[in-house]
Amino acid sequence: MLKRRLSVFAIGLAVVTGCTAMDPQSAARQQAETYYGRPYDQLNAQEKMRLENHLAGQSNIAWRTDAQVASGVGRFLQGVGVLILSAKH
């Protein structure tokens, strides 16, 4: 049950972070107030590009982190399975 929950969580997190990587402009429109204190439409071209690049970079970092966590969980579960199997014999 825990393994299933972790899988669903990892997939959900990957989907949410993937949205920013695919459409950084939409994410920038939503986050402009947080980063610059004014709406996206009031930013100059350089600020817009900087914000979009920053958000896309954050998304890519999240993708790599998700992959590393999933890989680590997989290795852990594989090791636990080997230990249980060897304990039964």
Protein backbone atom coordinates (compact mmCIF):
# COMPACT_ATOMS: atom_id res chain seq x y z
CA MET A 1 0.00 0.00 0.00
CA LEU A 2 2.84 2.39 0.88
CA LYS A 3 4.59 1.59 -2.39
CA ARG A 4 1.43 2.42 -4.33
CA ARG A 5 1.02 5.74 -2.49
CA LEU A 6 4.64 6.66 -3.17
CA SER A 7 4.21 5.83 -6.85
CA VAL A 8 1.06 7.91 -7.14
CA PHE A 9 2.74 10.80 -5.32
CA ALA A 10 5.82 10.66 -7.56
CA ILE A 11 3.73 10.54 -10.73
CA GLY A 12 1.51 13.40 -9.54
CA LEU A 13 4.52 15.51 -8.66
CA ALA A 14 6.12 14.77 -12.02
CA VAL A 15 2.96 15.80 -13.87
CA VAL A 16 2.66 19.06 -11.95
CA THR A 17 6.32 19.97 -12.43
CA GLY A 18 6.21 18.89 -16.05
CA CYS A 19 3.56 21.47 -16.81
CA THR A 20 5.98 24.31 -16.09
CA ALA A 21 8.67 22.83 -18.32
CA MET A 22 6.22 22.51 -21.19
CA ASP A 23 4.66 25.97 -20.82
CA PRO A 24 6.90 28.32 -18.83
CA GLN A 25 5.05 31.42 -20.03
CA SER A 26 1.83 30.38 -18.27
CA ALA A 27 3.74 29.70 -15.08
CA ALA A 28 5.50 33.06 -15.44
CA ARG A 29 2.14 34.82 -15.81
CA GLN A 30 1.02 33.27 -12.51
CA GLN A 31 4.29 33.90 -10.64
CA ALA A 32 5.21 37.40 -11.88
CA GLU A 33 3.61 39.12 -8.87
CA THR A 34 5.62 36.91 -6.51
CA TYR A 35 8.96 37.53 -8.20
CA TYR A 36 8.66 41.12 -9.40
CA GLY A 37 5.70 42.54 -7.49
CA ARG A 38 3.81 43.49 -10.64
CA PRO A 39 1.73 41.71 -13.30
CA TYR A 40 3.40 39.81 -16.14
CA ASP A 41 2.10 42.29 -18.72
CA GLN A 42 4.05 45.11 -17.02
CA LEU A 43 7.40 43.31 -17.20
CA ASN A 44 9.88 44.19 -19.93
CA ALA A 45 11.05 41.49 -22.36
CA GLN A 46 14.25 40.76 -20.42
CA GLU A 47 12.38 40.29 -17.14
CA LYS A 48 9.83 38.01 -18.81
CA MET A 49 12.57 35.87 -20.34
CA ARG A 50 14.53 35.72 -17.09
CA LEU A 51 11.45 34.63 -15.15
CA GLU A 52 10.45 32.02 -17.73
CA ASN A 53 13.99 30.61 -17.81
CA HIS A 54 14.13 30.51 -14.01
CA LEU A 55 10.81 28.68 -13.72
CA ALA A 56 11.73 26.22 -16.49
CA GLY A 57 15.04 25.56 -14.72
CA GLN A 58 13.26 24.93 -11.43
CA SER A 59 10.94 22.51 -13.22
CA ASN A 60 13.89 20.63 -14.71
CA ILE A 61 15.52 20.36 -11.29
CA ALA A 62 12.27 18.93 -9.92
CA TRP A 63 12.16 16.36 -12.75
CA ARG A 64 15.71 15.21 -11.97
CA THR A 65 14.91 15.05 -8.25
CA ASP A 66 11.78 12.97 -8.94
CA ALA A 67 13.81 10.58 -11.06
CA GLN A 68 16.49 10.26 -8.39
CA VAL A 69 13.91 9.62 -5.66
CA ALA A 70 12.07 7.04 -7.77
CA SER A 71 15.34 5.32 -8.58
CA GLY A 72 16.36 5.30 -4.91
CA VAL A 73 13.00 3.90 -3.82
CA GLY A 74 13.25 1.22 -6.48
CA ARG A 75 16.74 0.19 -5.34
CA PHE A 76 15.61 0.17 -1.71
CA LEU A 77 12.58 -2.01 -2.46
CA GLN A 78 14.72 -4.33 -4.56
CA GLY A 79 17.17 -4.69 -1.67
CA VAL A 80 14.36 -5.33 0.81
CA GLY A 81 12.94 -7.98 -1.53
CA VAL A 82 16.31 -9.72 -1.74
CA LEU A 83 16.67 -9.68 2.06
CA ILE A 84 13.18 -11.11 2.57
CA LEU A 85 13.74 -13.77 -0.05
CA SER A 86 17.06 -14.78 1.49
CA ALA A 87 15.54 -14.84 4.99
CA LYS A 88 12.86 -17.28 3.81
CA HIS A 89 15.49 -19.73 2.58
